Amino acid sequence: MMDGIGLTIIAIGIFFDLLGCVGMVRFPNVYNRLQAGTKCVTLGVCLILIGAIFMADGAPMRLKALLCVVFILITSPTAAHALARAARVSGIGLWEKSVVDQYEQECE
């Protein structure tokens, strides 16, 4: 029973990872791609690790997977923010069809 639940959660995680990959290829600029990569892939990897927790035999592996989930939830958004900030500071602009640029409004 637990293996079936674990495999289902892992399959959902792989689906979100694939959606994130498609978004990274299809979106128009670096900021939208960072959004797809951060949100979908973070959720996908966390779901894969949660599925591994359901399928794990021993407590040490479950604890390691849980620690990895916490680590990914903390570091992935932080890294994406740092990358987006560095891209913005280095002069990479928004997509030409972007409606609003809140960063420029705050700097003025």
PDB file of N, CA and C in Angstrom:
ATOM      1  N   MET A   1       0.819  -1.202   0.000  1.00  0.00           N
ATOM      2  CA  MET A   1       0.000   0.000   0.000  1.00  0.00           C
ATOM      3  C   MET A   1       0.859   1.262   0.000  1.00  0.00           C
ATOM      4  N   MET A   2       1.871   1.301   0.869  1.00  0.00           N
ATOM      5  CA  MET A   2       2.731   2.474   0.950  1.00  0.00           C
ATOM      6  C   MET A   2       3.545   2.661  -0.323  1.00  0.00           C
ATOM      7  N   ASP A   3       3.927   1.536  -0.959  1.00  0.00           N
ATOM      8  CA  ASP A   3       4.674   1.649  -2.217  1.00  0.00           C
ATOM      9  C   ASP A   3       3.809   2.272  -3.311  1.00  0.00           C
ATOM     10  N   GLY A   4       2.543   1.922  -3.342  1.00  0.00           N
ATOM     11  CA  GLY A   4       1.635   2.500  -4.336  1.00  0.00           C
ATOM     12  C   GLY A   4       1.445   3.989  -4.135  1.00  0.00           C
ATOM     13  N   ILE A   5       1.306   4.402  -2.882  1.00  0.00           N
ATOM     14  CA  ILE A   5       1.178   5.830  -2.578  1.00  0.00           C
ATOM     15  C   ILE A   5       2.470   6.549  -2.947  1.00  0.00           C
ATOM     16  N   GLY A   6       3.605   5.939  -2.587  1.00  0.00           N
ATOM     17  CA  GLY A   6       4.897   6.542  -2.902  1.00  0.00           C
ATOM     18  C   GLY A   6       5.115   6.694  -4.396  1.00  0.00           C
ATOM     19  N   LEU A   7       4.772   5.660  -5.159  1.00  0.00           N
ATOM     20  CA  LEU A   7       4.941   5.732  -6.613  1.00  0.00           C
ATOM     21  C   LEU A   7       4.019   6.773  -7.241  1.00  0.00           C
ATOM     22  N   THR A   8       2.812   6.908  -6.707  1.00  0.00           N
ATOM     23  CA  THR A   8       1.888   7.927  -7.212  1.00  0.00           C
ATOM     24  C   THR A   8       2.431   9.330  -6.959  1.00  0.00           C
ATOM     25  N   ILE A   9       2.943   9.557  -5.757  1.00  0.00           N
ATOM     26  CA  ILE A   9       3.508  10.871  -5.436  1.00  0.00           C
ATOM     27  C   ILE A   9       4.739  11.144  -6.283  1.00  0.00           C
ATOM     28  N   ILE A  10       5.569  10.140  -6.507  1.00  0.00           N
ATOM     29  CA  ILE A  10       6.754  10.296  -7.357  1.00  0.00           C
ATOM     30  C   ILE A  10       6.341  10.615  -8.791  1.00  0.00           C
ATOM     31  N   ALA A  11       5.306   9.949  -9.290  1.00  0.00           N
ATOM     32  CA  ALA A  11       4.837  10.218 -10.657  1.00  0.00           C
ATOM     33  C   ALA A  11       4.319  11.652 -10.786  1.00  0.00           C
ATOM     34  N   ILE A  12       3.616  12.131  -9.770  1.00  0.00           N
ATOM     35  CA  ILE A  12       3.141  13.521  -9.795  1.00  0.00           C
ATOM     36  C   ILE A  12       4.330  14.477  -9.769  1.00  0.00           C
ATOM     37  N   GLY A  13       5.353  14.147  -8.973  1.00  0.00           N
ATOM     38  CA  GLY A  13       6.560  14.971  -8.928  1.00  0.00           C
ATOM     39  C   GLY A  13       7.283  15.018 -10.265  1.00  0.00           C
ATOM     40  N   ILE A  14       7.361  13.890 -10.935  1.00  0.00           N
ATOM     41  CA  ILE A  14       7.989  13.860 -12.258  1.00  0.00           C
ATOM     42  C   ILE A  14       7.183  14.694 -13.251  1.00  0.00           C
ATOM     43  N   PHE A  15       5.861  14.637 -13.138  1.00  0.00           N
ATOM     44  CA  PHE A  15       5.002  15.459 -14.001  1.00  0.00           C
ATOM     45  C   PHE A  15       5.291  16.944 -13.804  1.00  0.00           C
ATOM     46  N   PHE A  16       5.399  17.388 -12.554  1.00  0.00           N
ATOM     47  CA  PHE A  16       5.711  18.795 -12.291  1.00  0.00           C
ATOM     48  C   PHE A  16       7.106  19.160 -12.787  1.00  0.00           C
ATOM     49  N   ASP A  17       8.061  18.244 -12.656  1.00  0.00           N
ATOM     50  CA  ASP A  17       9.403  18.512 -13.193  1.00  0.00           C
ATOM     51  C   ASP A  17       9.356  18.686 -14.712  1.00  0.00           C
ATOM     52  N   LEU A  18       8.588  17.850 -15.386  1.00  0.00           N
ATOM     53  CA  LEU A  18       8.464  17.981 -16.836  1.00  0.00           C
ATOM     54  C   LEU A  18       7.783  19.296 -17.224  1.00  0.00           C
ATOM     55  N   LEU A  19       6.756  19.687 -16.465  1.00  0.00           N
ATOM     56  CA  LEU A  19       6.117  20.984 -16.734  1.00  0.00           C
ATOM     57  C   LEU A  19       7.103  22.132 -16.552  1.00  0.00           C
ATOM     58  N   GLY A  20       7.937  22.043 -15.536  1.00  0.00           N
ATOM     59  CA  GLY A  20       8.949  23.072 -15.322  1.00  0.00           C
ATOM     60  C   GLY A  20       9.946  23.130 -16.462  1.00  0.00           C
ATOM     61  N   CYS A  21      10.334  21.970 -16.984  1.00  0.00           N
ATOM     62  CA  CYS A  21      11.259  21.937 -18.123  1.00  0.00           C
ATOM     63  C   CYS A  21      10.622  22.541 -19.372  1.00  0.00           C
ATOM     64  N   VAL A  22       9.360  22.226 -19.606  1.00  0.00           N
ATOM     65  CA  VAL A  22       8.659  22.807 -20.751  1.00  0.00           C
ATOM     66  C   VAL A  22       8.564  24.324 -20.592  1.00  0.00           C
ATOM     67  N   GLY A  23       8.267  24.778 -19.385  1.00  0.00           N
ATOM     68  CA  GLY A  23       8.191  26.210 -19.144  1.00  0.00           C
ATOM     69  C   GLY A  23       9.526  26.905 -19.342  1.00  0.00           C
ATOM     70  N   MET A  24      10.609  26.244 -18.978  1.00  0.00           N
ATOM     71  CA  MET A  24      11.933  26.844 -19.154  1.00  0.00           C
ATOM     72  C   MET A  24      12.285  26.985 -20.632  1.00  0.00           C
ATOM     73  N   VAL A  25      11.733  26.132 -21.460  1.00  0.00           N
ATOM     74  CA  VAL A  25      12.005  26.214 -22.895  1.00  0.00           C
ATOM     75  C   VAL A  25      11.041  27.192 -23.571  1.00  0.00           C
ATOM     76  N   ARG A  26       9.797  27.222 -23.142  1.00  0.00           N
ATOM     77  CA  ARG A  26       8.765  27.976 -23.845  1.00  0.00           C
ATOM     78  C   ARG A  26       8.634  29.435 -23.443  1.00  0.00           C
ATOM     79  N   PHE A  27       8.971  29.788 -22.213  1.00  0.00           N
ATOM     80  CA  PHE A  27       8.754  31.161 -21.761  1.00  0.00           C
ATOM     81  C   PHE A  27       9.716  32.129 -22.420  1.00  0.00           C
ATOM     82  N   PRO A  28       9.315  33.408 -22.548  1.00  0.00           N
ATOM     83  CA  PRO A  28      10.043  34.336 -23.406  1.00  0.00           C
ATOM     84  C   PRO A  28      11.332  34.933 -22.834  1.00  0.00           C
ATOM     85  N   ASN A  29      11.443  35.097 -21.518  1.00  0.00           N
ATOM     86  CA  ASN A  29      12.659  35.740 -21.015  1.00  0.00           C
ATOM     87  C   ASN A  29      13.185  35.020 -19.781  1.00  0.00           C
ATOM     88  N   VAL A  30      14.308  35.499 -19.296  1.00  0.00           N
ATOM     89  CA  VAL A  30      15.004  34.814 -18.206  1.00  0.00           C
ATOM     90  C   VAL A  30      14.187  34.826 -16.921  1.00  0.00           C
ATOM     91  N   TYR A  31      13.424  35.863 -16.678  1.00  0.00           N
ATOM     92  CA  TYR A  31      12.661  35.959 -15.436  1.00  0.00           C
ATOM     93  C   TYR A  31      11.493  34.976 -15.417  1.00  0.00           C
ATOM     94  N   ASN A  32      10.807  34.846 -16.532  1.00  0.00           N
ATOM     95  CA  ASN A  32       9.727  33.851 -16.623  1.00  0.00           C
ATOM     96  C   ASN A  32      10.285  32.439 -16.536  1.00  0.00           C
ATOM     97  N   ARG A  33      11.437  32.217 -17.123  1.00  0.00           N
ATOM     98  CA  ARG A  33      12.065  30.896 -17.061  1.00  0.00           C
ATOM     99  C   ARG A  33      12.503  30.566 -15.649  1.00  0.00           C
ATOM    100  N   LEU A  34      13.006  31.562 -14.937  1.00  0.00           N
ATOM    101  CA  LEU A  34      13.350  31.334 -13.535  1.00  0.00           C
ATOM    102  C   LEU A  34      12.116  30.977 -12.716  1.00  0.00           C
ATOM    103  N   GLN A  35      11.010  31.625 -13.016  1.00  0.00           N
ATOM    104  CA  GLN A  35       9.759  31.322 -12.316  1.00  0.00           C
ATOM    105  C   GLN A  35       9.357  29.871 -12.543  1.00  0.00           C
ATOM    106  N   ALA A  36       9.391  29.438 -13.796  1.00  0.00           N
ATOM    107  CA  ALA A  36       9.019  28.054 -14.107  1.00  0.00           C
ATOM    108  C   ALA A  36       9.988  27.073 -13.463  1.00  0.00           C
ATOM    109  N   GLY A  37      11.261  27.380 -13.577  1.00  0.00           N
ATOM    110  CA  GLY A  37      12.259  26.476 -13.017  1.00  0.00           C
ATOM    111  C   GLY A  37      12.191  26.392 -11.513  1.00  0.00           C
ATOM    112  N   THR A  38      11.921  27.501 -10.883  1.00  0.00           N
ATOM    113  CA  THR A  38      11.907  27.503  -9.423  1.00  0.00           C
ATOM    114  C   THR A  38      10.659  26.839  -8.872  1.00  0.00           C
ATOM    115  N   LYS A  39       9.515  27.263  -9.320  1.00  0.00           N
ATOM    116  CA  LYS A  39       8.274  26.790  -8.711  1.00  0.00           C
ATOM    117  C   LYS A  39       7.976  25.338  -9.063  1.00  0.00           C
ATOM    118  N   CYS A  40       7.966  25.019 -10.349  1.00  0.00           N
ATOM    119  CA  CYS A  40       7.603  23.657 -10.755  1.00  0.00           C
ATOM    120  C   CYS A  40       8.647  22.635 -10.336  1.00  0.00           C
ATOM    121  N   VAL A  41       9.901  22.959 -10.540  1.00  0.00           N
ATOM    122  CA  VAL A  41      10.938  21.981 -10.231  1.00  0.00           C
ATOM    123  C   VAL A  41      11.086  21.812  -8.725  1.00  0.00           C
ATOM    124  N   THR A  42      10.915  22.877  -7.957  1.00  0.00           N
ATOM    125  CA  THR A  42      10.958  22.737  -6.499  1.00  0.00           C
ATOM    126  C   THR A  42       9.840  21.823  -6.019  1.00  0.00           C
ATOM    127  N   LEU A  43       8.627  22.060  -6.510  1.00  0.00           N
ATOM    128  CA  LEU A  43       7.508  21.207  -6.128  1.00  0.00           C
ATOM    129  C   LEU A  43       7.733  19.776  -6.597  1.00  0.00           C
ATOM    130  N   GLY A  44       8.219  19.614  -7.811  1.00  0.00           N
ATOM    131  CA  GLY A  44       8.444  18.266  -8.337  1.00  0.00           C
ATOM    132  C   GLY A  44       9.480  17.490  -7.538  1.00  0.00           C
ATOM    133  N   VAL A  45      10.592  18.115  -7.229  1.00  0.00           N
ATOM    134  CA  VAL A  45      11.639  17.430  -6.469  1.00  0.00           C
ATOM    135  C   VAL A  45      11.161  17.121  -5.055  1.00  0.00           C
ATOM    136  N   CYS A  46      10.436  18.054  -4.450  1.00  0.00           N
ATOM    137  CA  CYS A  46       9.911  17.794  -3.106  1.00  0.00           C
ATOM    138  C   CYS A  46       8.924  16.622  -3.118  1.00  0.00           C
ATOM    139  N   LEU A  47       8.078  16.559  -4.131  1.00  0.00           N
ATOM    140  CA  LEU A  47       7.148  15.433  -4.221  1.00  0.00           C
ATOM    141  C   LEU A  47       7.879  14.113  -4.450  1.00  0.00           C
ATOM    142  N   ILE A  48       8.923  14.133  -5.254  1.00  0.00           N
ATOM    143  CA  ILE A  48       9.707  12.914  -5.463  1.00  0.00           C
ATOM    144  C   ILE A  48      10.326  12.451  -4.146  1.00  0.00           C
ATOM    145  N   LEU A  49      10.863  13.390  -3.385  1.00  0.00           N
ATOM    146  CA  LEU A  49      11.457  13.025  -2.097  1.00  0.00           C
ATOM    147  C   LEU A  49      10.402  12.567  -1.089  1.00  0.00           C
ATOM    148  N   ILE A  50       9.225  13.173  -1.115  1.00  0.00           N
ATOM    149  CA  ILE A  50       8.150  12.720  -0.229  1.00  0.00           C
ATOM    150  C   ILE A  50       7.701  11.315  -0.622  1.00  0.00           C
ATOM    151  N   GLY A  51       7.648  11.047  -1.920  1.00  0.00           N
ATOM    152  CA  GLY A  51       7.356   9.681  -2.365  1.00  0.00           C
ATOM    153  C   GLY A  51       8.415   8.702  -1.909  1.00  0.00           C
ATOM    154  N   ALA A  52       9.673   9.136  -1.906  1.00  0.00           N
ATOM    155  CA  ALA A  52      10.751   8.277  -1.408  1.00  0.00           C
ATOM    156  C   ALA A  52      10.594   8.027   0.090  1.00  0.00           C
ATOM    157  N   ILE A  53      10.084   9.015   0.816  1.00  0.00           N
ATOM    158  CA  ILE A  53       9.830   8.818   2.252  1.00  0.00           C
ATOM    159  C   ILE A  53       8.792   7.710   2.453  1.00  0.00           C
ATOM    160  N   PHE A  54       7.750   7.704   1.627  1.00  0.00           N
ATOM    161  CA  PHE A  54       6.731   6.660   1.740  1.00  0.00           C
ATOM    162  C   PHE A  54       7.288   5.287   1.384  1.00  0.00           C
ATOM    163  N   MET A  55       8.237   5.241   0.471  1.00  0.00           N
ATOM    164  CA  MET A  55       8.763   3.958   0.006  1.00  0.00           C
ATOM    165  C   MET A  55       9.978   3.469   0.796  1.00  0.00           C
ATOM    166  N   ALA A  56      10.565   4.321   1.605  1.00  0.00           N
ATOM    167  CA  ALA A  56      11.789   3.963   2.321  1.00  0.00           C
ATOM    168  C   ALA A  56      11.515   2.906   3.384  1.00  0.00           C
ATOM    169  N   ASP A  57      12.525   2.066   3.579  1.00  0.00           N
ATOM    170  CA  ASP A  57      12.393   1.010   4.575  1.00  0.00           C
ATOM    171  C   ASP A  57      12.793   1.472   5.975  1.00  0.00           C
ATOM    172  N   GLY A  58      13.866   2.246   6.052  1.00  0.00           N
ATOM    173  CA  GLY A  58      14.376   2.608   7.367  1.00  0.00           C
ATOM    174  C   GLY A  58      14.195   4.077   7.700  1.00  0.00           C
ATOM    175  N   ALA A  59      14.257   4.355   8.992  1.00  0.00           N
ATOM    176  CA  ALA A  59      14.122   5.721   9.466  1.00  0.00           C
ATOM    177  C   ALA A  59      15.254   6.640   8.999  1.00  0.00           C
ATOM    178  N   PRO A  60      16.504   6.155   8.910  1.00  0.00           N
ATOM    179  CA  PRO A  60      17.563   7.078   8.457  1.00  0.00           C
ATOM    180  C   PRO A  60      17.331   7.624   7.046  1.00  0.00           C
ATOM    181  N   MET A  61      16.841   6.790   6.142  1.00  0.00           N
ATOM    182  CA  MET A  61      16.584   7.267   4.783  1.00  0.00           C
ATOM    183  C   MET A  61      15.417   8.251   4.767  1.00  0.00           C
ATOM    184  N   ARG A  62      14.405   7.992   5.572  1.00  0.00           N
ATOM    185  CA  ARG A  62      13.275   8.920   5.658  1.00  0.00           C
ATOM    186  C   ARG A  62      13.717  10.274   6.199  1.00  0.00           C
ATOM    187  N   LEU A  63      14.560  10.251   7.200  1.00  0.00           N
ATOM    188  CA  LEU A  63      15.065  11.491   7.778  1.00  0.00           C
ATOM    189  C   LEU A  63      15.910  12.268   6.772  1.00  0.00           C
ATOM    190  N   LYS A  64      16.759  11.557   6.032  1.00  0.00           N
ATOM    191  CA  LYS A  64      17.587  12.223   5.017  1.00  0.00           C
ATOM    192  C   LYS A  64      16.723  12.849   3.924  1.00  0.00           C
ATOM    193  N   ALA A  65      15.692  12.136   3.483  1.00  0.00           N
ATOM    194  CA  ALA A  65      14.807  12.681   2.450  1.00  0.00           C
ATOM    195  C   ALA A  65      14.051  13.895   2.978  1.00  0.00           C
ATOM    196  N   LEU A  66      13.619  13.841   4.221  1.00  0.00           N
ATOM    197  CA  LEU A  66      12.923  14.978   4.812  1.00  0.00           C
ATOM    198  C   LEU A  66      13.851  16.183   4.950  1.00  0.00           C
ATOM    199  N   LEU A  67      15.086  15.955   5.348  1.00  0.00           N
ATOM    200  CA  LEU A  67      16.054  17.048   5.431  1.00  0.00           C
ATOM    201  C   LEU A  67      16.330  17.642   4.055  1.00  0.00           C
ATOM    202  N   CYS A  68      16.378  16.804   3.032  1.00  0.00           N
ATOM    203  CA  CYS A  68      16.571  17.306   1.669  1.00  0.00           C
ATOM    204  C   CYS A  68      15.385  18.163   1.227  1.00  0.00           C
ATOM    205  N   VAL A  69      14.171  17.765   1.593  1.00  0.00           N
ATOM    206  CA  VAL A  69      12.982  18.560   1.259  1.00  0.00           C
ATOM    207  C   VAL A  69      13.084  19.939   1.904  1.00  0.00           C
ATOM    208  N   VAL A  70      13.450  19.983   3.180  1.00  0.00           N
ATOM    209  CA  VAL A  70      13.571  21.268   3.873  1.00  0.00           C
ATOM    210  C   VAL A  70      14.672  22.106   3.226  1.00  0.00           C
ATOM    211  N   PHE A  71      15.796  21.486   2.896  1.00  0.00           N
ATOM    212  CA  PHE A  71      16.900  22.198   2.262  1.00  0.00           C
ATOM    213  C   PHE A  71      16.480  22.789   0.925  1.00  0.00           C
ATOM    214  N   ILE A  72      15.776  22.021   0.117  1.00  0.00           N
ATOM    215  CA  ILE A  72      15.342  22.493  -1.199  1.00  0.00           C
ATOM    216  C   ILE A  72      14.314  23.614  -1.060  1.00  0.00           C
ATOM    217  N   LEU A  73      13.404  23.485  -0.100  1.00  0.00           N
ATOM    218  CA  LEU A  73      12.398  24.534   0.103  1.00  0.00           C
ATOM    219  C   LEU A  73      13.024  25.852   0.545  1.00  0.00           C
ATOM    220  N   ILE A  74      14.152  25.790   1.222  1.00  0.00           N
ATOM    221  CA  ILE A  74      14.822  27.014   1.662  1.00  0.00           C
ATOM    222  C   ILE A  74      15.727  27.573   0.572  1.00  0.00           C
ATOM    223  N   THR A  75      16.509  26.720  -0.065  1.00  0.00           N
ATOM    224  CA  THR A  75      17.544  27.217  -0.976  1.00  0.00           C
ATOM    225  C   THR A  75      17.059  27.523  -2.385  1.00  0.00           C
ATOM    226  N   SER A  76      16.069  26.830  -2.878  1.00  0.00           N
ATOM    227  CA  SER A  76      15.639  27.046  -4.257  1.00  0.00           C
ATOM    228  C   SER A  76      15.065  28.451  -4.483  1.00  0.00           C
ATOM    229  N   PRO A  77      14.133  28.918  -3.666  1.00  0.00           N
ATOM    230  CA  PRO A  77      13.647  30.295  -3.874  1.00  0.00           C
ATOM    231  C   PRO A  77      14.735  31.343  -3.631  1.00  0.00           C
ATOM    232  N   THR A  78      15.616  31.071  -2.679  1.00  0.00           N
ATOM    233  CA  THR A  78      16.700  32.008  -2.395  1.00  0.00           C
ATOM    234  C   THR A  78      17.646  32.111  -3.584  1.00  0.00           C
ATOM    235  N   ALA A  79      17.990  30.985  -4.165  1.00  0.00           N
ATOM    236  CA  ALA A  79      18.873  30.986  -5.331  1.00  0.00           C
ATOM    237  C   ALA A  79      18.214  31.652  -6.531  1.00  0.00           C
ATOM    238  N   ALA A  80      16.921  31.409  -6.726  1.00  0.00           N
ATOM    239  CA  ALA A  80      16.219  32.040  -7.850  1.00  0.00           C
ATOM    240  C   ALA A  80      16.162  33.549  -7.667  1.00  0.00           C
ATOM    241  N   HIS A  81      15.949  33.996  -6.440  1.00  0.00           N
ATOM    242  CA  HIS A  81      15.946  35.435  -6.184  1.00  0.00           C
ATOM    243  C   HIS A  81      17.314  36.035  -6.478  1.00  0.00           C
ATOM    244  N   ALA A  82      18.366  35.360  -6.053  1.00  0.00           N
ATOM    245  CA  ALA A  82      19.716  35.862  -6.304  1.00  0.00           C
ATOM    246  C   ALA A  82      20.021  35.907  -7.800  1.00  0.00           C
ATOM    247  N   LEU A  83      19.595  34.901  -8.534  1.00  0.00           N
ATOM    248  CA  LEU A  83      19.810  34.887  -9.981  1.00  0.00           C
ATOM    249  C   LEU A  83      19.020  35.989 -10.680  1.00  0.00           C
ATOM    250  N   ALA A  84      17.772  36.180 -10.273  1.00  0.00           N
ATOM    251  CA  ALA A  84      16.956  37.233 -10.883  1.00  0.00           C
ATOM    252  C   ALA A  84      17.518  38.609 -10.562  1.00  0.00           C
ATOM    253  N   ARG A  85      17.955  38.796  -9.344  1.00  0.00           N
ATOM    254  CA  ARG A  85      18.541  40.083  -8.959  1.00  0.00           C
ATOM    255  C   ARG A  85      19.829  40.352  -9.735  1.00  0.00           C
ATOM    256  N   ALA A  86      20.668  39.326  -9.875  1.00  0.00           N
ATOM    257  CA  ALA A  86      21.908  39.490 -10.629  1.00  0.00           C
ATOM    258  C   ALA A  86      21.630  39.774 -12.102  1.00  0.00           C
ATOM    259  N   ALA A  87      20.624  39.123 -12.662  1.00  0.00           N
ATOM    260  CA  ALA A  87      20.272  39.381 -14.058  1.00  0.00           C
ATOM    261  C   ALA A  87      19.769  40.804 -14.224  1.00  0.00           C
ATOM    262  N   ARG A  88      18.983  41.264 -13.282  1.00  0.00           N
ATOM    263  CA  ARG A  88      18.442  42.624 -13.372  1.00  0.00           C
ATOM    264  C   ARG A  88      19.544  43.670 -13.211  1.00  0.00           C
ATOM    265  N   VAL A  89      20.433  43.461 -12.254  1.00  0.00           N
ATOM    266  CA  VAL A  89      21.528  44.405 -12.017  1.00  0.00           C
ATOM    267  C   VAL A  89      22.491  44.441 -13.202  1.00  0.00           C
ATOM    268  N   SER A  90      22.673  43.303 -13.860  1.00  0.00           N
ATOM    269  CA  SER A  90      23.587  43.263 -14.998  1.00  0.00           C
ATOM    270  C   SER A  90      22.967  43.804 -16.281  1.00  0.00           C
ATOM    271  N   GLY A  91      21.704  44.217 -16.227  1.00  0.00           N
ATOM    272  CA  GLY A  91      21.108  44.901 -17.365  1.00  0.00           C
ATOM    273  C   GLY A  91      20.207  44.069 -18.251  1.00  0.00           C
ATOM    274  N   ILE A  92      19.899  42.862 -17.857  1.00  0.00           N
ATOM    275  CA  ILE A  92      18.991  42.045 -18.661  1.00  0.00           C
ATOM    276  C   ILE A  92      17.571  42.547 -18.412  1.00  0.00           C
ATOM    277  N   GLY A  93      16.947  43.045 -19.454  1.00  0.00           N
ATOM    278  CA  GLY A  93      15.626  43.639 -19.328  1.00  0.00           C
ATOM    279  C   GLY A  93      14.506  42.627 -19.384  1.00  0.00           C
ATOM    280  N   LEU A  94      13.316  43.155 -19.154  1.00  0.00           N
ATOM    281  CA  LEU A  94      12.123  42.326 -19.256  1.00  0.00           C
ATOM    282  C   LEU A  94      11.780  42.076 -20.716  1.00  0.00           C
ATOM    283  N   TRP A  95      10.867  41.172 -20.935  1.00  0.00           N
ATOM    284  CA  TRP A  95      10.340  40.887 -22.252  1.00  0.00           C
ATOM    285  C   TRP A  95       9.663  42.145 -22.779  1.00  0.00           C
ATOM    286  N   GLU A  96       9.755  42.402 -24.074  1.00  0.00           N
ATOM    287  CA  GLU A  96       9.218  43.653 -24.633  1.00  0.00           C
ATOM    288  C   GLU A  96       7.709  43.785 -24.464  1.00  0.00           C
ATOM    289  N   LYS A  97       6.984  42.703 -24.288  1.00  0.00           N
ATOM    290  CA  LYS A  97       5.533  42.773 -24.103  1.00  0.00           C
ATOM    291  C   LYS A  97       5.130  42.762 -22.625  1.00  0.00           C
ATOM    292  N   SER A  98       6.083  42.933 -21.735  1.00  0.00           N
ATOM    293  CA  SER A  98       5.756  43.003 -20.306  1.00  0.00           C
ATOM    294  C   SER A  98       4.946  44.261 -20.028  1.00  0.00           C
ATOM    295  N   VAL A  99       3.980  44.151 -19.152  1.00  0.00           N
ATOM    296  CA  VAL A  99       3.058  45.241 -18.900  1.00  0.00           C
ATOM    297  C   VAL A  99       3.611  46.228 -17.879  1.00  0.00           C
ATOM    298  N   VAL A 100       4.186  45.744 -16.802  1.00  0.00           N
ATOM    299  CA  VAL A 100       4.656  46.625 -15.737  1.00  0.00           C
ATOM    300  C   VAL A 100       6.035  46.169 -15.272  1.00  0.00           C
ATOM    301  N   ASP A 101       6.840  47.142 -14.875  1.00  0.00           N
ATOM    302  CA  ASP A 101       8.172  46.873 -14.344  1.00  0.00           C
ATOM    303  C   ASP A 101       8.245  47.483 -12.949  1.00  0.00           C
ATOM    304  N   GLN A 102       7.936  46.684 -11.942  1.00  0.00           N
ATOM    305  CA  GLN A 102       7.899  47.209 -10.582  1.00  0.00           C
ATOM    306  C   GLN A 102       9.284  47.555 -10.067  1.00  0.00           C
ATOM    307  N   TYR A 103      10.314  46.899 -10.574  1.00  0.00           N
ATOM    308  CA  TYR A 103      11.671  47.199 -10.136  1.00  0.00           C
ATOM    309  C   TYR A 103      12.054  48.624 -10.522  1.00  0.00           C
ATOM    310  N   GLU A 104      11.734  49.033 -11.732  1.00  0.00           N
ATOM    311  CA  GLU A 104      12.028  50.393 -12.176  1.00  0.00           C
ATOM    312  C   GLU A 104      11.221  51.422 -11.385  1.00  0.00           C
ATOM    313  N   GLN A 105       9.973  51.095 -11.049  1.00  0.00           N
ATOM    314  CA  GLN A 105       9.140  52.005 -10.284  1.00  0.00           C
ATOM    315  C   GLN A 105       9.690  52.221  -8.878  1.00  0.00           C
ATOM    316  N   GLU A 106      10.251  51.176  -8.265  1.00  0.00           N
ATOM    317  CA  GLU A 106      10.805  51.289  -6.919  1.00  0.00           C
ATOM    318  C   GLU A 106      12.117  52.062  -6.922  1.00  0.00           C
ATOM    319  N   CYS A 107      12.886  51.979  -7.988  1.00  0.00           N
ATOM    320  CA  CYS A 107      14.188  52.638  -8.047  1.00  0.00           C
ATOM    321  C   CYS A 107      14.059  54.125  -8.351  1.00  0.00           C
ATOM    322  N   GLU A 108      12.948  54.551  -8.883  1.00  0.00           N
ATOM    323  CA  GLU A 108      12.790  55.978  -9.267  1.00  0.00           C
ATOM    324  C   GLU A 108      12.468  56.849  -8.092  1.00  0.00           C
TER     325      GLU A 108
END
